[in-house]
Protein backbone atom coordinates (compact mmCIF):
# COMPACT_ATOMS: atom_id res chain seq x y z
CA UNK A 1 139.53 103.52 84.33
CA UNK A 2 138.25 104.74 80.97
CA UNK A 3 134.76 104.48 79.53
CA UNK A 4 133.98 103.49 75.94
CA UNK A 5 130.35 103.89 74.87
CA UNK A 6 128.82 101.38 72.46
CA UNK A 7 131.57 98.76 72.85
CA UNK A 8 131.50 95.90 72.02
CA UNK A 9 127.93 96.51 70.84
CA UNK A 10 125.65 99.57 70.80
CA UNK A 11 124.18 100.35 74.22
CA UNK A 12 127.04 98.90 76.27
CA UNK A 13 129.30 101.29 78.21
CA UNK A 14 132.61 99.43 78.48
CA UNK A 15 134.78 100.16 81.52
CA UNK A 16 138.39 99.76 80.41
CA UNK A 17 140.88 98.86 83.14
CA UNK A 18 143.88 99.12 80.78
CA UNK A 19 145.10 102.40 82.31
CA UNK A 20 145.12 100.80 85.78
CA UNK A 21 147.06 97.81 84.45
CA UNK A 22 149.51 100.10 82.63
CA UNK A 23 150.43 101.88 85.87
CA UNK A 24 152.35 99.46 88.14
CA UNK A 25 151.59 101.47 91.28
CA UNK A 26 147.84 101.46 90.61
CA UNK A 27 147.78 97.74 89.79
CA UNK A 28 149.87 96.93 92.87
CA UNK A 29 147.56 99.07 95.04
CA UNK A 30 144.45 97.31 93.71
CA UNK A 31 145.95 93.88 94.47
CA UNK A 32 147.02 95.04 97.93
CA UNK A 33 143.54 96.40 98.72
CA UNK A 34 141.82 93.21 97.54
CA UNK A 35 144.35 91.07 99.44
CA UNK A 36 143.80 93.07 102.63
CA UNK A 37 140.04 92.68 102.27
CA UNK A 38 140.32 88.91 101.88
CA UNK A 39 142.72 88.57 104.82
CA UNK A 40 140.49 90.69 107.08
CA UNK A 41 137.28 88.98 106.00
CA UNK A 42 138.37 85.35 105.73
CA UNK A 43 141.75 85.07 107.44
CA UNK A 44 143.31 81.72 106.64
CA UNK A 45 140.02 80.01 105.68
CA UNK A 46 140.46 80.25 101.88
CA UNK A 47 141.73 77.13 100.12
CA UNK A 48 141.86 78.42 96.52
CA UNK A 49 141.31 81.46 94.34
CA UNK A 50 139.23 80.91 91.18
CA UNK A 51 138.54 83.17 88.31
CA UNK A 52 135.88 82.54 85.71
CA UNK A 53 136.91 82.36 82.05
CA UNK A 54 140.58 81.79 82.93
CA UNK A 55 142.91 83.33 80.37
CA UNK A 56 140.06 84.55 78.16
CA UNK A 57 139.41 87.68 80.23
CA UNK A 58 141.20 90.34 82.22
CA UNK A 59 140.23 88.56 85.43
CA UNK A 60 143.25 86.30 84.95
CA UNK A 61 145.45 89.25 85.91
CA UNK A 62 143.77 89.55 89.31
CA UNK A 63 143.16 85.90 90.26
CA UNK A 64 146.78 84.68 90.17
CA UNK A 65 148.08 87.94 91.64
CA UNK A 66 145.75 87.62 94.63
CA UNK A 67 146.53 83.93 95.02
CA UNK A 68 150.26 84.72 95.02
CA UNK A 69 149.84 87.43 97.66
CA UNK A 70 147.75 85.09 99.83
CA UNK A 71 150.04 82.08 99.30
CA UNK A 72 147.23 80.08 97.66
CA UNK A 73 146.80 78.05 94.50
CA UNK A 74 144.54 78.93 91.58
CA UNK A 75 141.88 76.84 89.89
CA UNK A 76 140.70 77.59 86.38
CA UNK A 77 137.13 77.99 85.24
CA UNK A 78 137.21 78.40 81.47
CA UNK A 79 134.94 78.83 78.51
CA UNK A 80 133.52 75.63 77.05
CA UNK A 81 136.01 73.43 75.24
CA UNK A 82 139.18 74.94 76.75
CA UNK A 83 139.85 72.38 79.53
CA UNK A 84 140.96 68.77 79.02
CA UNK A 85 139.45 65.77 80.76
CA UNK A 86 135.99 65.34 82.28
CA UNK A 87 134.31 68.67 83.03
CA UNK A 88 131.13 70.14 84.47
CA UNK A 89 129.47 73.08 82.71
CA UNK A 90 127.05 75.94 83.33
CA UNK A 91 125.68 78.47 80.84
CA UNK A 92 125.23 82.17 81.52
CA UNK A 93 124.13 85.43 79.92
CA UNK A 94 126.38 88.44 79.38
CA UNK A 95 125.33 92.03 78.74
CA UNK A 96 125.75 91.30 75.03
CA UNK A 97 125.36 87.54 74.56
CA UNK A 98 125.50 84.03 76.02
CA UNK A 99 128.38 81.73 76.95
CA UNK A 100 129.20 78.56 78.86
CA UNK A 101 131.78 77.90 81.58
CA UNK A 102 133.47 74.64 82.54
CA UNK A 103 135.58 73.32 85.38
CA UNK A 104 137.43 70.02 85.58
CA UNK A 105 135.50 67.50 87.68
CA UNK A 106 138.54 66.77 89.84
CA UNK A 107 139.68 70.40 90.28
CA UNK A 108 138.43 70.68 93.87
CA UNK A 109 137.31 68.48 96.75
CA UNK A 110 133.89 68.79 98.42
CA UNK A 111 133.97 71.18 101.37
CA UNK A 112 136.91 73.26 100.18
CA UNK A 113 136.51 77.01 100.55
CA UNK A 114 137.13 79.31 97.62
CA UNK A 115 136.90 82.92 96.50
CA UNK A 116 135.83 83.77 92.94
CA UNK A 117 137.71 86.74 91.47
CA UNK A 118 137.03 88.72 88.31
CA UNK A 119 137.90 92.17 87.07
CA UNK A 120 134.27 93.23 86.62
CA UNK A 121 130.88 92.41 88.13
CA UNK A 122 128.23 93.55 85.64
CA UNK A 123 125.09 91.47 85.13
CA UNK A 124 126.43 88.76 87.44
CA UNK A 125 126.05 86.01 84.85
CA UNK A 126 129.68 84.90 84.84
CA UNK A 127 130.03 84.84 88.61
CA UNK A 128 126.67 83.14 89.07
CA UNK A 129 127.65 80.42 86.58
CA UNK A 130 130.97 79.99 88.40
CA UNK A 131 129.12 79.64 91.72
CA UNK A 132 126.74 77.10 90.16
CA UNK A 133 129.69 75.03 88.93
CA UNK A 134 131.30 75.17 92.34
CA UNK A 135 128.00 74.13 93.91
CA UNK A 136 128.00 71.05 91.67
CA UNK A 137 131.40 70.19 93.16
CA UNK A 138 130.01 70.86 96.67
CA UNK A 139 132.59 73.59 97.24
CA UNK A 140 131.86 76.55 99.53
CA UNK A 141 132.12 79.94 97.83
CA UNK A 142 133.11 82.36 100.58
CA UNK A 143 132.83 85.46 98.42
CA UNK A 144 132.88 86.89 94.91
CA UNK A 145 135.41 89.70 94.53
CA UNK A 146 135.89 92.18 91.69
CA UNK A 147 137.86 95.30 90.93
CA UNK A 148 134.87 97.10 89.34
CA UNK A 149 131.13 96.71 89.85
CA UNK A 150 128.47 98.21 87.58
CA UNK A 151 125.78 98.65 90.24
CA UNK A 152 122.97 99.64 87.87
CA UNK A 153 123.10 96.16 86.29
CA UNK A 154 122.35 94.55 89.68
CA UNK A 155 124.73 91.62 89.17
CA UNK A 156 125.21 91.27 92.91
CA UNK A 157 121.57 90.20 93.20
CA UNK A 158 122.19 87.17 90.97
CA UNK A 159 124.72 85.82 93.46
CA UNK A 160 122.01 85.05 96.01
CA UNK A 161 123.51 84.38 99.44
CA UNK A 162 127.12 84.60 98.24
CA UNK A 163 128.69 87.85 99.49
CA UNK A 164 130.19 90.22 96.91
CA UNK A 165 132.94 92.82 97.28
CA UNK A 166 134.21 95.37 94.77
CA UNK A 167 136.84 98.11 95.05
CA UNK A 168 135.17 100.51 92.61
CA UNK A 169 131.48 100.96 91.85
CA UNK A 170 129.94 102.72 88.86
CA UNK A 171 126.22 103.36 88.41
């Protein structure tokens, strides 16, 4: 994982996972480690894997891969205006701006159990907004999982009672 200072704006240290994705053995190992964690922690209790911002972020590479390994379906949470039909929305703050997430109102049933997956847990805004949306649907978020966590940004704290797991942590 490479670091790029001052990207996308001054003051942000961007952690680039492109080298991990470029190496099939490293990507496969990361999926295997996350899959093993979810199996050990939740067994067969997960109904769906979700990833915030859908195809607009690198998290889409991890969400479907984990779902495939676990034999589960995926549900999209996307940026505002990207999903058809009736949706629910929640706004959130990034390290370098603001955004809004949406989920289709009929995407999940109350009581279903899900895991939210993203490539990076930084300020926690994206995952918190995803958890808020899922709360509106009365869905149980078992855990938020990420490849990388930037611990100095304390994003985990924004998740409240929802457990968080990350493979790699950077200060």
